[in-house]
N, C-alpha and C. Protein backbone atom coordinates (compact mmCIF):
# COMPACT_ATOMS: atom_id res chain seq x y z
N MET A 1 1.04 -1.39 -0.01
CA MET A 1 -0.37 0.18 -0.11
C MET A 1 1.07 1.32 0.11
N ASP A 2 1.23 1.57 -1.23
CA ASP A 2 1.82 3.22 -1.09
C ASP A 2 1.28 4.19 -1.35
N GLY A 3 -0.31 4.51 -1.61
CA GLY A 3 -0.98 5.31 -2.09
C GLY A 3 -0.95 5.76 -3.02
N SER A 4 -0.25 5.49 -4.29
CA SER A 4 -0.25 5.84 -5.56
C SER A 4 -1.84 5.37 -6.37
N ARG A 5 -2.52 4.49 -5.86
CA ARG A 5 -3.93 4.40 -6.75
C ARG A 5 -4.80 4.61 -5.51
N ALA A 6 -6.24 5.01 -6.18
CA ALA A 6 -7.19 5.22 -5.11
C ALA A 6 -8.43 5.21 -5.65
N VAL A 7 -9.46 3.90 -4.72
CA VAL A 7 -10.80 3.81 -5.44
C VAL A 7 -11.82 5.02 -4.31
N VAL A 8 -12.59 5.87 -5.14
CA VAL A 8 -13.57 6.67 -3.81
C VAL A 8 -14.81 6.46 -4.28
N GLN A 9 -15.56 5.75 -3.39
CA GLN A 9 -16.96 5.39 -3.30
C GLN A 9 -17.75 6.15 -2.48
N GLU A 10 -18.99 6.87 -3.24
CA GLU A 10 -19.50 8.03 -2.29
C GLU A 10 -20.90 6.98 -1.91
N TRP A 11 -21.42 7.25 -0.30
CA TRP A 11 -22.42 7.02 -0.09
C TRP A 11 -23.62 7.85 0.47
N ASP A 12 -24.64 7.23 0.21
CA ASP A 12 -25.69 8.36 0.87
C ASP A 12 -25.63 8.24 2.61
N ALA A 13 -25.91 9.22 3.10
CA ALA A 13 -26.33 8.97 4.87
C ALA A 13 -27.22 9.95 5.28
N GLU A 14 -27.28 9.67 6.65
CA GLU A 14 -28.59 10.90 6.99
C GLU A 14 -27.86 11.27 8.71
N ARG A 15 -28.26 12.08 8.78
CA ARG A 15 -27.32 13.30 9.99
C ARG A 15 -28.45 12.56 10.95
N GLU A 16 -27.57 11.90 12.52
CA GLU A 16 -28.25 11.43 13.37
C GLU A 16 -27.49 11.84 14.57
N ASP A 17 -28.19 12.21 16.15
CA ASP A 17 -27.46 12.62 17.17
C ASP A 17 -26.02 12.52 17.12
N ASP A 18 -25.49 11.26 16.59
CA ASP A 18 -24.42 10.64 17.04
C ASP A 18 -23.30 11.25 16.15
N GLY A 19 -23.92 11.31 14.78
CA GLY A 19 -22.88 11.72 14.00
C GLY A 19 -23.71 11.59 12.45
N TRP A 20 -23.34 11.18 11.57
CA TRP A 20 -23.85 10.83 9.92
C TRP A 20 -23.58 8.71 10.20
N LYS A 21 -24.90 8.60 9.53
CA LYS A 21 -25.21 6.80 9.44
C LYS A 21 -25.41 7.21 7.92
N PRO A 22 -24.52 6.12 7.40
CA PRO A 22 -24.63 5.59 5.93
C PRO A 22 -25.74 4.47 5.69
N ALA A 23 -26.24 4.67 4.73
CA ALA A 23 -27.42 3.78 4.10
C ALA A 23 -26.87 2.41 4.45
N ALA A 24 -28.09 1.45 4.87
CA ALA A 24 -27.74 0.14 5.04
C ALA A 24 -26.80 -0.85 4.32
N GLU A 25 -26.59 -0.59 2.72
CA GLU A 25 -26.07 -1.50 2.09
C GLU A 25 -24.22 -1.09 1.86
N PHE A 26 -23.89 -0.05 3.44
CA PHE A 26 -22.64 0.70 2.84
C PHE A 26 -21.84 -0.61 3.63
N ALA A 27 -20.31 -0.23 2.94
CA ALA A 27 -19.52 -1.19 2.76
C ALA A 27 -18.17 -0.58 3.44
N SER A 28 -17.29 -0.71 4.53
CA SER A 28 -16.30 0.08 4.88
C SER A 28 -14.95 -0.64 3.86
N ILE A 29 -15.13 -1.42 3.32
CA ILE A 29 -13.96 -2.16 2.64
C ILE A 29 -14.17 -2.36 1.36
N ILE A 30 -13.39 -2.51 0.44
CA ILE A 30 -14.25 -2.55 -0.83
C ILE A 30 -12.99 -3.39 -1.38
N ALA A 31 -12.93 -4.29 -1.98
CA ALA A 31 -11.69 -5.20 -2.49
C ALA A 31 -12.06 -4.90 -4.11
N LYS A 32 -10.38 -4.82 -4.28
CA LYS A 32 -10.34 -4.53 -5.92
C LYS A 32 -8.99 -4.74 -6.16
N PRO A 33 -9.42 -5.42 -7.58
CA PRO A 33 -7.94 -5.95 -8.17
C PRO A 33 -6.66 -4.85 -8.14
N ALA A 34 -5.68 -5.46 -7.96
CA ALA A 34 -4.33 -4.55 -8.05
C ALA A 34 -4.42 -3.67 -9.36
N GLY A 35 -3.80 -2.22 -9.41
CA GLY A 35 -3.86 -1.14 -10.57
C GLY A 35 -5.27 -1.06 -10.83
N SER A 36 -6.38 -1.35 -10.10
CA SER A 36 -7.76 -0.78 -10.06
C SER A 36 -7.29 0.62 -9.48
N GLY A 37 -8.51 1.22 -9.51
CA GLY A 37 -8.58 2.91 -9.53
C GLY A 37 -7.75 3.82 -10.27
N GLU A 38 -7.86 5.34 -9.70
CA GLU A 38 -6.96 6.16 -10.63
C GLU A 38 -6.03 6.62 -9.68
N SER A 39 -4.90 6.62 -10.73
CA SER A 39 -3.86 7.42 -9.93
C SER A 39 -3.81 8.43 -9.15
N VAL A 40 -3.14 8.63 -8.34
CA VAL A 40 -3.00 9.69 -7.66
C VAL A 40 -2.06 10.82 -7.43
N ALA A 41 -2.35 11.52 -7.44
CA ALA A 41 -1.07 12.81 -7.64
C ALA A 41 0.44 12.25 -6.45
N GLU A 42 1.81 12.47 -7.06
CA GLU A 42 2.46 12.28 -5.94
C GLU A 42 2.40 12.61 -4.56
N LYS A 43 2.17 14.33 -4.96
CA LYS A 43 1.89 15.06 -3.57
C LYS A 43 1.13 14.58 -2.56
N LEU A 44 -0.30 13.76 -3.07
CA LEU A 44 -1.22 13.59 -2.17
C LEU A 44 -0.96 11.86 -1.86
N GLN A 45 0.19 11.40 -2.37
CA GLN A 45 0.00 10.03 -1.92
C GLN A 45 0.37 9.48 -0.52
N ALA A 46 1.12 10.37 0.27
CA ALA A 46 1.50 9.97 1.98
C ALA A 46 0.11 10.60 2.39
N ARG A 47 -0.56 11.30 2.15
CA ARG A 47 -2.05 11.58 2.86
C ARG A 47 -2.99 10.50 2.56
N TYR A 48 -3.05 10.25 1.52
CA TYR A 48 -3.91 8.61 1.16
C TYR A 48 -3.28 7.76 1.97
N ARG A 49 -2.04 6.87 2.03
CA ARG A 49 -1.44 6.36 2.82
C ARG A 49 -1.84 6.45 4.03
N HIS A 50 -1.35 7.58 4.86
CA HIS A 50 -1.62 7.69 5.98
C HIS A 50 -3.18 7.56 6.69
N ALA A 51 -3.98 8.58 5.80
CA ALA A 51 -5.35 7.95 6.33
C ALA A 51 -5.78 6.95 6.44
N LEU A 52 -5.08 5.74 5.32
CA LEU A 52 -5.67 4.40 5.24
C LEU A 52 -4.76 3.79 7.06
N GLU A 53 -3.70 3.83 6.98
CA GLU A 53 -3.20 3.39 8.20
C GLU A 53 -3.78 3.66 9.38
N ASN A 54 -4.39 5.11 9.78
CA ASN A 54 -4.77 5.48 10.78
C ASN A 54 -6.56 5.00 10.54
N ARG A 55 -7.06 4.51 9.67
CA ARG A 55 -8.77 4.24 9.74
C ARG A 55 -8.29 2.93 9.97
N TYR A 56 -7.58 1.88 9.58
CA TYR A 56 -7.47 0.60 9.78
C TYR A 56 -6.53 0.14 10.57
N ASP A 57 -5.54 1.03 11.11
CA ASP A 57 -4.80 0.51 11.83
C ASP A 57 -3.54 -0.44 11.50
N LEU A 58 -3.07 0.18 10.45
CA LEU A 58 -2.23 -0.54 9.34
C LEU A 58 -0.83 -0.73 9.91
N LYS A 59 -0.67 -0.16 10.97
CA LYS A 59 0.84 0.12 11.51
C LYS A 59 1.48 -1.34 11.32
């Protein structure tokens, strides 16, 4: 995981008292074949990589 490619999936969500709740079909992990997704600009790759590391505790 080097952050060089990204797949962005948008979901509808509803605001609730404790934050946003996604629709019932929401999936937090989406498997894609290697090489899938859009290229990420080199200057943003570290940001993508760190966001995933923090979100999924990948240290």
